[in-house]
Amino acid sequence: MNVIINSVILVAICCGLTSNLSAQDKADSSKKRPNIIIIVSDDHAYQAISAYGNKLMQTPNIDRIAKEGVLFTKGYVTNSICGPSRAVILTGKYSHKNGFKDNENSSFDGSQDSFIKQLKASGYQTAWIGKWHLETKPQGFDFWQILPGQGQYYNPDFYMMDGTKKQSDGYVSDVIEGVSENWLDNRDQDKPFCLVIGHKATHRTWIPDGQDMGKFDPVTFPLPANFYDEYKNREAAKVQDMSISKTMRMGYDLKVFDDVNEANKEGNIARMNQEQRQKFDAYYDPIAVDLKKRNLSGKELIEWKYQRYMRDYLSTAVSLDRNIGRTLDYLDKNDLTKNTIVIYLSDQGFYLGEHGWFDKRFIYEESFRTPMMMRYPGVIKPGTVSSDFVMNLDIAPTMLDAAGVVIPKDEQGQSMLPLLKDKKVKGREAMYYHYYENGEHSVSPHFGIRTKRYKLVRFYKRVSSWELYDLQKDPNEMNNMYGHKSYKKITEAMDIQLHKLIDQYDDQDAKNILMKE
């Protein structure tokens, strides 16, 4: 009897040891899984990033991610507008599948699956801090602290997890970085983490941090070659309402007010404390006085507005880059760099005077294309440059792939890791795009396809038309070749590819439009 009892005890002890070893093995394995930081800026044009060879400004900290990892020169979005882009990043699905098509009528269904929920279920600690802009509370996160709507540049409000709204002192980029570092300080260090940092910069109305005001005043920026575009043979471009000449407002956008009362009505300015307001007035008041003395009109006034836009936009981007540097420094100081993936991208591209515009929305390159770069020590060779077509649609499956989590079959993106690990792996031959919003800036809804050389677009609702571009001969997309006899075969081939992608992604809205033709 004693022998039996002793045997049972021995088995129990062995089982306990085995169980403990298994738990320890799991912990060790968990530590080897990469941490993830995804930094999403707002309306940050690739043209304003020095890693892309642009001369408008220097962005040393953003560039550092590219130098220590991969720079994607062909990064694109599925729908060039703020909220829908974030929904695509979260779900790995096009707008027609995740339900968030536009900023006017959509509300994100947080009950649906996301890569964040998948990571959390697999043992990751998760957080989203900063701009969210999806109209519902975040779900699937261990922690979140988000800006209401677009947020404010100065002393911003945040929605907290307990349902309250809290105002924070300071400039928004600094505040978001501070909250992010605080969360990292207090996270469960036995778990890998995934942190999304959502910056407000560089969204309209481009109010720089006080220390950055005037940084680009000595610079005269050259006008883009197509700044005075007349939109010949492009009906949708003719009816848009996002031009620097007509749409950009003197007070709201350029901070040139008729009087103090007008300035006080602007929300971001009204939030400033006394010290912040003094810096603001000291910088912008002389600009308003000088403009009044000069009494500009016509092209002189339009070009003055362009210079002021560029100076404010790029000065706002300085704080963004500086705080991305803080994130990278934090990882270095806390011995996290070697095991942390860092991705930087904007929610879409932006116009910096091309076609005479600001804003985004169109399938044309400046808004369709987004800056994107990723650092993954030990996996991605520093200094890698990738010209493969990649999209914000690919973020979700890429992160799950890196974390060793099975990618759900209904995700429509592709992991980027195979492209980076094996040069023989072929990426996309074409990309599909669909923009839905039909209100602000009068941009007609449209869908289309881009291959390495050509782009085919179908506009509908506000304008009903087709456009075709030969990007090799016409990189600025000035000459619509749709209907030209010399491009008949190309148009037919592109149309076939467009239908294939519409079927592949199951876009019923686009199918219905094409069926009526």
Protein backbone atom coordinates (compact mmCIF):
# COMPACT_ATOMS: atom_id res chain seq x y z
CA MET A 1 0.00 0.00 0.00
CA ASN A 2 2.84 2.40 0.89
CA VAL A 3 4.51 1.57 -2.42
CA ILE A 4 1.34 2.56 -4.28
CA ILE A 5 1.02 5.82 -2.30
CA ASN A 6 4.66 6.71 -2.87
CA SER A 7 4.27 5.98 -6.58
CA VAL A 8 1.26 8.28 -6.78
CA ILE A 9 3.15 11.05 -4.98
CA LEU A 10 6.14 10.61 -7.30
CA VAL A 11 3.91 10.79 -10.37
CA ALA A 12 2.24 13.93 -8.99
CA ILE A 13 5.59 15.61 -8.34
CA CYS A 14 6.82 14.73 -11.82
CA CYS A 15 3.63 16.03 -13.37
CA GLY A 16 4.02 19.25 -11.40
CA LEU A 17 7.60 19.66 -12.57
CA THR A 18 6.56 18.96 -16.14
CA SER A 19 3.76 21.51 -15.85
CA ASN A 20 6.13 24.13 -14.44
CA LEU A 21 8.68 23.50 -17.14
CA SER A 22 5.98 23.83 -19.76
CA ALA A 23 4.89 27.16 -18.33
CA GLN A 24 8.50 28.35 -18.24
CA ASP A 25 9.04 27.21 -21.80
CA LYS A 26 5.96 29.16 -22.82
CA ALA A 27 7.27 32.25 -21.04
CA ASP A 28 10.66 31.94 -22.75
CA SER A 29 8.96 31.43 -26.09
CA SER A 30 6.76 34.46 -25.44
CA LYS A 31 9.80 36.65 -24.82
CA LYS A 32 11.21 35.65 -28.21
CA ARG A 33 8.12 36.82 -30.01
CA PRO A 34 8.67 40.35 -31.30
CA ASN A 35 7.18 43.38 -29.65
CA ILE A 36 5.35 45.64 -32.10
CA ILE A 37 5.08 49.42 -32.35
CA ILE A 38 3.02 50.86 -35.21
CA ILE A 39 3.21 54.62 -35.62
CA VAL A 40 0.39 56.05 -37.74
CA SER A 41 0.59 59.74 -38.63
CA ASP A 42 -2.16 61.75 -40.27
CA ASP A 43 -1.94 63.20 -43.79
CA HIS A 44 1.85 62.98 -43.87
CA ALA A 45 2.99 63.16 -47.50
CA TYR A 46 5.88 60.98 -48.64
CA GLN A 47 7.07 64.10 -50.48
CA ALA A 48 7.84 65.63 -47.07
CA ILE A 49 10.14 62.80 -45.92
CA SER A 50 13.83 62.95 -46.68
CA ALA A 51 14.17 59.16 -46.79
CA TYR A 52 12.33 59.34 -50.11
CA GLY A 53 14.93 61.70 -51.53
CA ASN A 54 12.83 64.81 -51.13
CA LYS A 55 14.51 68.13 -50.37
CA LEU A 56 11.63 69.97 -48.68
CA MET A 57 12.82 69.07 -45.17
CA GLN A 58 14.92 66.64 -43.18
CA THR A 59 13.22 63.89 -41.15
CA PRO A 60 16.16 62.15 -39.45
CA ASN A 61 14.12 60.03 -37.03
CA ILE A 62 11.65 58.72 -39.57
CA ASP A 63 14.60 58.13 -41.88
CA ARG A 64 16.28 56.10 -39.15
CA ILE A 65 13.53 53.47 -39.30
CA ALA A 66 14.15 53.09 -43.02
CA LYS A 67 17.96 53.01 -42.67
CA GLU A 68 17.74 50.31 -40.00
CA GLY A 69 15.09 48.33 -41.86
CA VAL A 70 13.19 48.60 -45.12
CA LEU A 71 11.91 51.59 -47.07
CA PHE A 72 8.84 50.75 -49.14
CA THR A 73 8.87 52.94 -52.24
CA LYS A 74 5.55 51.56 -53.46
CA GLY A 75 3.36 51.70 -50.33
CA TYR A 76 -0.32 52.43 -50.99
CA VAL A 77 -3.72 52.63 -49.31
CA THR A 78 -7.08 51.13 -50.24
CA ASN A 79 -9.16 54.27 -49.54
CA SER A 80 -7.41 57.60 -49.05
CA ILE A 81 -9.17 59.09 -46.04
CA CYS A 82 -8.50 59.06 -42.28
CA GLY A 83 -11.04 56.79 -40.53
CA PRO A 84 -11.39 54.20 -43.30
CA SER A 85 -7.62 53.83 -43.49
CA ARG A 86 -7.38 53.02 -39.78
CA ALA A 87 -10.20 50.47 -40.11
CA VAL A 88 -8.27 48.78 -42.93
CA ILE A 89 -5.09 48.68 -40.83
CA LEU A 90 -6.95 47.07 -37.93
CA THR A 91 -8.88 44.46 -39.89
CA GLY A 92 -6.77 43.67 -42.93
CA LYS A 93 -9.94 44.10 -44.99
CA TYR A 94 -11.16 46.59 -47.58
CA SER A 95 -13.72 49.20 -46.54
CA HIS A 96 -16.64 47.31 -48.07
CA LYS A 97 -15.78 44.34 -45.84
CA ASN A 98 -14.98 46.11 -42.54
CA GLY A 99 -17.95 48.47 -42.94
CA PHE A 100 -16.16 51.80 -42.47
CA LYS A 101 -16.32 53.38 -45.92
CA ASP A 102 -16.19 57.12 -45.19
CA ASN A 103 -15.98 59.73 -42.45
CA GLU A 104 -19.49 61.04 -43.10
CA ASN A 105 -21.75 58.09 -42.38
CA SER A 106 -19.61 55.23 -41.03
CA SER A 107 -19.18 53.91 -37.51
CA PHE A 108 -16.66 51.17 -36.84
CA ASP A 109 -18.09 47.85 -35.68
CA GLY A 110 -15.68 47.06 -32.87
CA SER A 111 -17.12 43.58 -32.39
CA GLN A 112 -15.50 42.36 -35.60
CA ASP A 113 -12.14 40.62 -35.61
CA SER A 114 -8.88 42.54 -35.80
CA PHE A 115 -5.21 41.71 -35.69
CA ILE A 116 -5.15 43.33 -32.24
CA LYS A 117 -7.70 40.83 -30.93
CA GLN A 118 -5.75 37.98 -32.46
CA LEU A 119 -2.52 39.17 -30.84
CA LYS A 120 -4.19 39.65 -27.47
CA ALA A 121 -5.67 36.15 -27.58
CA SER A 122 -2.20 34.77 -28.29
CA GLY A 123 -0.67 36.46 -25.23
CA TYR A 124 0.20 39.99 -26.34
CA GLN A 125 -0.51 43.08 -24.28
CA THR A 126 -2.16 45.66 -26.55
CA ALA A 127 -2.72 49.43 -26.59
CA TRP A 128 -3.84 52.26 -28.88
CA ILE A 129 -2.88 55.81 -27.90
CA GLY A 130 -3.68 59.03 -29.79
CA LYS A 131 -5.85 59.59 -32.82
CA TRP A 132 -8.48 56.86 -33.36
CA HIS A 133 -11.23 58.56 -35.37
CA LEU A 134 -13.48 55.50 -35.77
CA GLU A 135 -16.54 56.89 -33.97
CA THR A 136 -16.85 53.99 -31.48
CA LYS A 137 -14.83 52.92 -28.45
CA PRO A 138 -11.82 50.69 -29.14
CA GLN A 139 -12.33 46.99 -28.46
CA GLY A 140 -9.74 44.27 -27.97
CA PHE A 141 -7.17 46.50 -26.26
CA ASP A 142 -5.75 46.16 -22.76
CA PHE A 143 -5.37 49.94 -22.75
CA TRP A 144 -6.49 52.86 -24.85
CA GLN A 145 -6.49 56.64 -24.58
CA ILE A 146 -7.80 58.39 -27.67
CA LEU A 147 -8.40 61.85 -29.07
CA PRO A 148 -12.04 62.80 -29.71
CA GLY A 149 -12.52 62.97 -33.49
CA GLN A 150 -9.62 64.80 -35.10
CA GLY A 151 -8.29 65.96 -31.73
CA GLN A 152 -6.69 69.31 -30.92
CA TYR A 153 -3.10 70.49 -31.35
CA TYR A 154 -2.89 72.35 -28.04
CA ASN A 155 -3.86 71.00 -24.61
CA PRO A 156 -5.81 68.15 -26.20
CA ASP A 157 -8.74 66.27 -24.72
CA PHE A 158 -8.64 62.48 -24.47
CA TYR A 159 -11.35 59.90 -24.00
CA MET A 160 -10.32 57.58 -21.17
CA MET A 161 -11.21 53.94 -20.65
CA ASP A 162 -13.42 54.77 -17.65
CA GLY A 163 -15.70 56.85 -19.87
CA THR A 164 -14.41 60.26 -18.80
CA LYS A 165 -12.85 62.99 -20.91
CA LYS A 166 -9.55 64.42 -19.69
CA GLN A 167 -7.62 67.46 -20.87
CA SER A 168 -3.82 67.21 -21.03
CA ASP A 169 -1.44 70.15 -20.99
CA GLY A 170 0.99 70.56 -23.84
CA TYR A 171 1.40 70.08 -27.57
CA VAL A 172 -0.41 67.06 -28.93
CA SER A 173 2.59 65.21 -30.39
CA ASP A 174 4.48 65.53 -27.10
CA VAL A 175 1.45 64.46 -25.06
CA ILE A 176 0.76 61.35 -27.15
CA GLU A 177 4.40 60.29 -26.89
CA GLY A 178 4.37 60.87 -23.13
CA VAL A 179 1.28 58.72 -22.62
CA SER A 180 2.82 56.01 -24.82
CA GLU A 181 6.04 55.93 -22.82
CA ASN A 182 4.08 55.83 -19.57
CA TRP A 183 2.15 52.81 -20.80
CA LEU A 184 5.37 51.09 -21.83
CA ASP A 185 6.84 51.81 -18.39
CA ASN A 186 3.89 50.17 -16.65
CA ARG A 187 3.09 47.27 -18.98
CA ASP A 188 3.34 43.60 -17.98
CA GLN A 189 6.96 42.92 -18.88
CA ASP A 190 6.38 39.16 -19.02
CA LYS A 191 4.29 39.60 -22.16
CA PRO A 192 5.16 40.80 -25.64
CA PHE A 193 3.34 44.01 -26.53
CA CYS A 194 1.69 45.69 -29.49
CA LEU A 195 1.35 49.47 -29.23
CA VAL A 196 -0.26 51.64 -31.89
CA ILE A 197 0.69 55.32 -31.60
CA GLY A 198 -1.79 57.47 -33.54
CA HIS A 199 -0.44 60.97 -34.14
CA LYS A 200 -2.65 63.93 -35.05
CA ALA A 201 0.12 65.64 -37.00
CA THR A 202 0.13 66.60 -39.83
CA HIS A 203 -3.64 67.05 -40.16
CA ARG A 204 -5.27 70.32 -41.16
CA THR A 205 -5.05 73.06 -39.80
CA TRP A 206 -1.29 72.59 -39.37
CA ILE A 207 -0.54 74.51 -36.19
CA PRO A 208 3.12 73.95 -35.23
CA ASP A 209 4.51 73.60 -31.74
CA GLY A 210 5.65 77.02 -30.51
CA GLN A 211 9.31 76.00 -30.68
CA ASP A 212 8.94 75.07 -34.36
CA MET A 213 7.11 78.16 -35.62
CA GLY A 214 9.08 79.90 -38.35
CA LYS A 215 11.56 77.08 -38.99
CA PHE A 216 10.97 77.27 -42.74
CA ASP A 217 10.47 81.01 -43.12
CA PRO A 218 13.85 81.49 -44.86
CA VAL A 219 12.87 78.92 -47.50
CA THR A 220 11.04 79.69 -50.74
CA PHE A 221 9.50 76.45 -51.92
CA PRO A 222 9.42 75.80 -55.67
CA LEU A 223 5.95 75.41 -57.14
CA PRO A 224 5.12 71.86 -58.28
CA ALA A 225 5.28 71.57 -62.07
CA ASN A 226 1.51 71.09 -62.29
CA PHE A 227 0.56 73.67 -59.65
CA TYR A 228 -1.54 75.56 -62.22
CA ASP A 229 -3.17 72.42 -63.61
CA GLU A 230 -6.20 73.24 -65.79
CA TYR A 231 -7.65 69.68 -65.49
CA LYS A 232 -8.11 69.19 -69.24
CA ASN A 233 -10.04 65.99 -70.06
CA ARG A 234 -10.43 65.15 -66.34
CA GLU A 235 -13.97 65.88 -65.25
CA ALA A 236 -13.63 64.77 -61.61
CA ALA A 237 -10.61 67.03 -61.10
CA LYS A 238 -12.57 69.97 -62.49
CA VAL A 239 -15.33 69.77 -59.85
CA GLN A 240 -13.19 69.12 -56.75
CA ASP A 241 -13.09 71.70 -53.98
CA MET A 242 -9.63 71.26 -52.45
CA SER A 243 -7.58 73.86 -54.25
CA ILE A 244 -5.12 76.13 -52.49
CA SER A 245 -6.34 79.07 -54.57
CA LYS A 246 -10.06 78.82 -53.77
CA THR A 247 -10.63 76.49 -50.81
CA MET A 248 -7.79 77.24 -48.43
CA ARG A 249 -9.06 79.76 -45.87
CA MET A 250 -7.06 82.74 -44.69
CA GLY A 251 -8.04 82.45 -41.04
CA TYR A 252 -8.86 78.79 -40.45
CA ASP A 253 -5.95 77.41 -42.50
CA LEU A 254 -3.35 80.16 -42.70
CA LYS A 255 -3.96 81.92 -39.34
CA VAL A 256 -4.36 85.35 -40.90
CA PHE A 257 -7.36 86.80 -39.08
CA ASP A 258 -9.21 90.07 -39.49
CA ASP A 259 -9.21 90.67 -35.74
CA VAL A 260 -8.65 89.05 -32.34
CA ASN A 261 -12.28 87.99 -32.00
CA GLU A 262 -12.07 85.96 -35.20
CA ALA A 263 -8.94 84.22 -33.93
CA ASN A 264 -10.56 83.47 -30.58
CA LYS A 265 -13.35 81.56 -32.32
CA GLU A 266 -10.93 78.99 -33.74
CA GLY A 267 -11.01 75.96 -31.44
CA ASN A 268 -7.31 75.08 -31.46
CA ILE A 269 -6.34 78.68 -30.72
CA ALA A 270 -8.95 79.15 -28.02
CA ARG A 271 -7.46 76.16 -26.14
CA MET A 272 -4.04 77.75 -25.77
CA ASN A 273 -2.80 78.91 -22.40
CA GLN A 274 -1.32 82.37 -22.00
CA GLU A 275 2.26 81.37 -22.81
CA GLN A 276 1.22 79.36 -25.87
CA ARG A 277 -1.00 82.16 -27.15
CA GLN A 278 1.76 84.73 -26.73
CA LYS A 279 4.08 82.66 -28.93
CA PHE A 280 1.31 82.16 -31.47
CA ASP A 281 0.46 85.88 -31.66
CA ALA A 282 4.11 86.92 -31.71
CA TYR A 283 4.67 84.76 -34.79
CA TYR A 284 1.45 85.10 -36.79
CA ASP A 285 0.42 88.72 -36.11
CA PRO A 286 3.36 90.24 -38.04
CA ILE A 287 2.58 87.91 -40.95
CA ALA A 288 -0.98 89.27 -41.12
CA VAL A 289 0.25 92.86 -40.93
CA ASP A 290 2.79 92.27 -43.71
CA LEU A 291 0.20 90.64 -45.97
CA LYS A 292 -2.19 93.54 -45.55
CA LYS A 293 0.55 96.01 -46.53
CA ARG A 294 1.42 94.03 -49.65
CA ASN A 295 -2.20 93.94 -50.87
CA LEU A 296 -1.62 90.88 -53.07
CA SER A 297 -4.07 89.51 -55.61
CA GLY A 298 -4.23 86.95 -58.41
CA LYS A 299 -1.30 84.55 -58.77
CA GLU A 300 0.78 86.52 -56.27
CA LEU A 301 -1.79 85.84 -53.54
CA ILE A 302 -2.22 82.19 -54.53
CA GLU A 303 1.54 81.63 -54.37
CA TRP A 304 1.76 83.45 -51.05
CA LYS A 305 -0.88 81.06 -49.70
CA TYR A 306 1.17 78.10 -51.00
CA GLN A 307 4.32 79.30 -49.23
CA ARG A 308 2.45 79.81 -45.95
CA TYR A 309 0.80 76.39 -46.27
CA MET A 310 4.14 74.68 -46.82
CA ARG A 311 5.80 76.48 -43.93
CA ASP A 312 3.04 75.58 -41.46
CA TYR A 313 2.68 72.02 -42.74
CA LEU A 314 6.38 71.23 -42.56
CA SER A 315 6.82 72.98 -39.21
CA THR A 316 4.04 70.77 -37.84
CA ALA A 317 5.87 67.74 -39.22
CA VAL A 318 9.00 68.68 -37.25
CA SER A 319 7.32 67.80 -33.94
CA LEU A 320 6.08 64.52 -35.42
CA ASP A 321 9.58 63.49 -36.42
CA ARG A 322 11.04 64.63 -33.09
CA ASN A 323 8.60 62.48 -31.12
CA ILE A 324 9.19 59.46 -33.33
CA GLY A 325 12.82 59.93 -32.32
CA ARG A 326 11.71 59.82 -28.69
CA THR A 327 10.03 56.48 -29.32
CA LEU A 328 13.17 55.02 -30.88
CA ASP A 329 15.33 56.40 -28.07
CA TYR A 330 13.00 54.85 -25.49
CA LEU A 331 13.45 51.44 -27.10
CA ASP A 332 17.24 51.89 -27.05
CA LYS A 333 17.36 52.97 -23.41
CA ASN A 334 15.15 50.10 -22.26
CA ASP A 335 16.94 47.36 -24.21
CA LEU A 336 13.89 46.75 -26.41
CA THR A 337 15.28 47.64 -29.83
CA LYS A 338 16.54 44.19 -30.82
CA ASN A 339 13.19 42.50 -30.26
CA THR A 340 10.76 45.18 -31.40
CA ILE A 341 9.23 45.69 -34.84
CA VAL A 342 8.69 49.37 -35.61
CA ILE A 343 6.45 50.41 -38.50
CA TYR A 344 5.88 53.96 -39.64
CA LEU A 345 3.16 54.95 -42.09
CA SER A 346 0.65 57.69 -42.68
CA ASP A 347 -3.05 57.00 -42.91
CA GLN A 348 -2.68 58.07 -46.55
CA GLY A 349 -0.72 60.46 -48.73
CA PHE A 350 -1.36 64.18 -49.16
CA TYR A 351 -1.08 66.93 -51.77
CA LEU A 352 1.58 69.56 -51.26
CA GLY A 353 0.49 71.77 -54.13
CA GLU A 354 0.47 69.12 -56.86
CA HIS A 355 -2.46 69.85 -59.21
CA GLY A 356 -2.88 73.02 -57.11
CA TRP A 357 -4.27 71.00 -54.21
CA PHE A 358 -4.06 70.18 -50.53
CA ASP A 359 -5.93 67.21 -48.92
CA LYS A 360 -6.11 63.65 -50.30
CA ARG A 361 -8.98 61.30 -51.49
CA PHE A 362 -8.08 60.82 -55.16
CA ILE A 363 -6.47 57.68 -56.59
CA TYR A 364 -3.76 59.92 -58.07
CA GLU A 365 -0.31 59.08 -56.74
CA GLU A 366 0.20 61.80 -54.12
CA SER A 367 -2.81 60.65 -52.07
CA PHE A 368 -3.01 56.97 -53.09
CA ARG A 369 0.62 56.41 -52.14
CA THR A 370 1.67 56.56 -48.48
CA PRO A 371 5.03 56.63 -46.72
CA MET A 372 5.77 53.23 -45.20
CA MET A 373 8.85 51.73 -43.60
CA MET A 374 9.56 48.92 -41.15
CA ARG A 375 12.41 47.97 -38.85
CA TYR A 376 12.64 44.32 -37.74
CA PRO A 377 16.12 43.57 -36.31
CA GLY A 378 17.45 40.14 -37.23
CA VAL A 379 14.86 39.66 -39.95
CA ILE A 380 15.02 42.71 -42.23
CA LYS A 381 18.47 43.70 -43.43
CA PRO A 382 19.25 47.37 -42.65
CA GLY A 383 19.15 49.61 -45.69
CA THR A 384 16.71 47.44 -47.62
CA VAL A 385 14.68 49.23 -50.29
CA SER A 386 11.59 47.46 -51.59
CA SER A 387 9.78 48.45 -54.77
CA ASP A 388 7.11 45.78 -54.37
CA PHE A 389 3.49 46.90 -54.19
CA VAL A 390 2.46 46.84 -50.53
CA MET A 391 -0.64 48.33 -48.89
CA ASN A 392 -1.97 49.36 -45.50
CA LEU A 393 -4.15 46.28 -46.01
CA ASP A 394 -1.01 44.21 -45.36
CA ILE A 395 -0.19 45.50 -41.88
CA ALA A 396 -2.56 43.11 -40.05
CA PRO A 397 -1.41 39.86 -41.70
CA THR A 398 2.23 40.92 -41.47
CA MET A 399 2.02 41.45 -37.72
CA LEU A 400 0.23 38.15 -37.18
CA ASP A 401 2.83 36.39 -39.33
CA ALA A 402 5.67 37.92 -37.30
CA ALA A 403 3.98 36.89 -34.04
CA GLY A 404 3.46 33.32 -35.21
CA VAL A 405 -0.33 33.67 -35.21
CA VAL A 406 -2.42 32.03 -37.91
CA ILE A 407 -3.74 34.67 -40.32
CA PRO A 408 -7.56 34.48 -40.54
CA LYS A 409 -8.77 33.42 -43.98
CA ASP A 410 -11.07 36.41 -44.33
CA GLU A 411 -8.21 38.92 -44.12
CA GLN A 412 -7.63 40.34 -47.59
CA GLY A 413 -4.09 41.61 -47.16
CA GLN A 414 -0.83 39.70 -47.57
CA SER A 415 2.07 39.33 -45.17
CA MET A 416 5.00 41.41 -46.35
CA LEU A 417 7.56 39.17 -44.65
CA PRO A 418 7.93 36.63 -47.50
CA LEU A 419 8.79 39.49 -49.88
CA LEU A 420 11.48 40.68 -47.50
CA LYS A 421 12.94 37.26 -46.72
CA ASP A 422 13.08 35.80 -50.22
CA LYS A 423 13.78 37.82 -53.37
CA LYS A 424 12.19 35.07 -55.46
CA VAL A 425 8.77 35.69 -53.92
CA LYS A 426 6.61 37.74 -56.26
CA GLY A 427 4.35 40.45 -54.93
CA ARG A 428 1.23 41.99 -56.40
CA GLU A 429 0.96 42.72 -60.09
CA ALA A 430 -1.82 45.24 -59.46
CA MET A 431 -3.57 47.12 -56.63
CA TYR A 432 -7.25 47.86 -56.16
CA TYR A 433 -8.64 51.12 -54.73
CA HIS A 434 -12.13 52.36 -53.81
CA TYR A 435 -13.01 55.80 -52.42
CA TYR A 436 -16.62 56.38 -51.27
CA GLU A 437 -17.14 59.78 -49.67
CA ASN A 438 -19.31 62.15 -51.70
CA GLY A 439 -19.45 65.30 -49.58
CA GLU A 440 -16.41 67.21 -48.33
CA HIS A 441 -14.14 68.66 -50.99
CA SER A 442 -16.51 67.51 -53.76
CA VAL A 443 -14.38 64.56 -54.76
CA SER A 444 -16.39 62.09 -56.80
CA PRO A 445 -16.45 58.50 -55.46
CA HIS A 446 -14.36 56.20 -57.61
CA PHE A 447 -12.64 52.86 -57.84
CA GLY A 448 -9.71 51.73 -59.93
CA ILE A 449 -6.61 49.68 -60.47
CA ARG A 450 -2.91 50.46 -60.66
CA THR A 451 -0.33 48.23 -62.30
CA LYS A 452 3.37 48.96 -62.60
CA ARG A 453 2.78 51.17 -65.63
CA TYR A 454 -0.91 51.99 -65.96
CA LYS A 455 -3.85 53.22 -63.93
CA LEU A 456 -7.55 52.79 -64.82
CA VAL A 457 -10.21 54.69 -62.85
CA ARG A 458 -14.02 54.73 -62.83
CA PHE A 459 -15.63 57.83 -61.29
CA TYR A 460 -19.31 57.69 -60.35
CA LYS A 461 -22.09 59.70 -58.58
CA ARG A 462 -20.86 63.30 -58.68
CA VAL A 463 -19.11 62.69 -62.01
CA SER A 464 -19.51 59.68 -64.29
CA SER A 465 -16.34 59.10 -66.29
CA TRP A 466 -13.33 56.88 -66.96
CA GLU A 467 -9.65 57.79 -66.81
CA LEU A 468 -6.53 55.96 -67.96
CA TYR A 469 -2.95 57.00 -67.27
CA ASP A 470 0.35 55.82 -68.66
CA LEU A 471 2.52 56.41 -65.58
CA GLN A 472 5.75 55.78 -67.48
CA LYS A 473 5.09 58.59 -69.94
CA ASP A 474 2.92 60.71 -67.64
CA PRO A 475 3.99 60.30 -63.98
CA ASN A 476 2.14 63.48 -62.96
CA GLU A 477 -1.17 62.12 -64.30
CA MET A 478 -2.04 65.05 -66.50
CA ASN A 479 -3.12 63.24 -69.68
CA ASN A 480 -6.23 61.06 -69.56
CA MET A 481 -5.75 58.51 -72.35
CA TYR A 482 -9.08 56.75 -71.94
CA GLY A 483 -10.78 56.47 -75.32
CA HIS A 484 -7.60 57.03 -77.34
CA LYS A 485 -7.22 54.49 -80.14
CA SER A 486 -3.53 53.93 -79.40
CA TYR A 487 -4.47 52.73 -75.88
CA LYS A 488 -7.44 50.54 -76.83
CA LYS A 489 -5.71 47.20 -76.18
CA ILE A 490 -4.20 48.45 -72.92
CA THR A 491 -7.60 49.71 -71.79
CA GLU A 492 -9.17 46.33 -72.52
CA ALA A 493 -6.44 44.48 -70.64
CA MET A 494 -6.72 46.84 -67.66
CA ASP A 495 -10.49 46.43 -67.65
CA ILE A 496 -10.10 42.66 -67.41
CA GLN A 497 -7.68 43.05 -64.49
CA LEU A 498 -10.03 45.49 -62.78
CA HIS A 499 -12.92 43.00 -62.98
CA LYS A 500 -10.68 40.24 -61.59
CA LEU A 501 -9.71 42.30 -58.55
CA ILE A 502 -13.29 43.38 -57.96
CA ASP A 503 -14.24 39.69 -57.93
CA GLN A 504 -11.24 38.74 -55.79
CA TYR A 505 -12.09 41.30 -53.12
CA ASP A 506 -15.85 40.82 -53.56
CA ASP A 507 -16.70 44.50 -53.99
CA GLN A 508 -20.42 44.33 -54.72
CA ASP A 509 -20.77 48.12 -55.02
CA ALA A 510 -18.28 48.24 -57.87
CA LYS A 511 -19.83 45.15 -59.49
CA ASN A 512 -23.25 46.76 -59.52
CA ILE A 513 -21.92 49.96 -61.11
CA LEU A 514 -20.12 48.06 -63.87
CA MET A 515 -23.11 45.80 -64.54
CA LYS A 516 -25.21 48.85 -65.49
CA GLU A 517 -22.78 49.83 -68.26
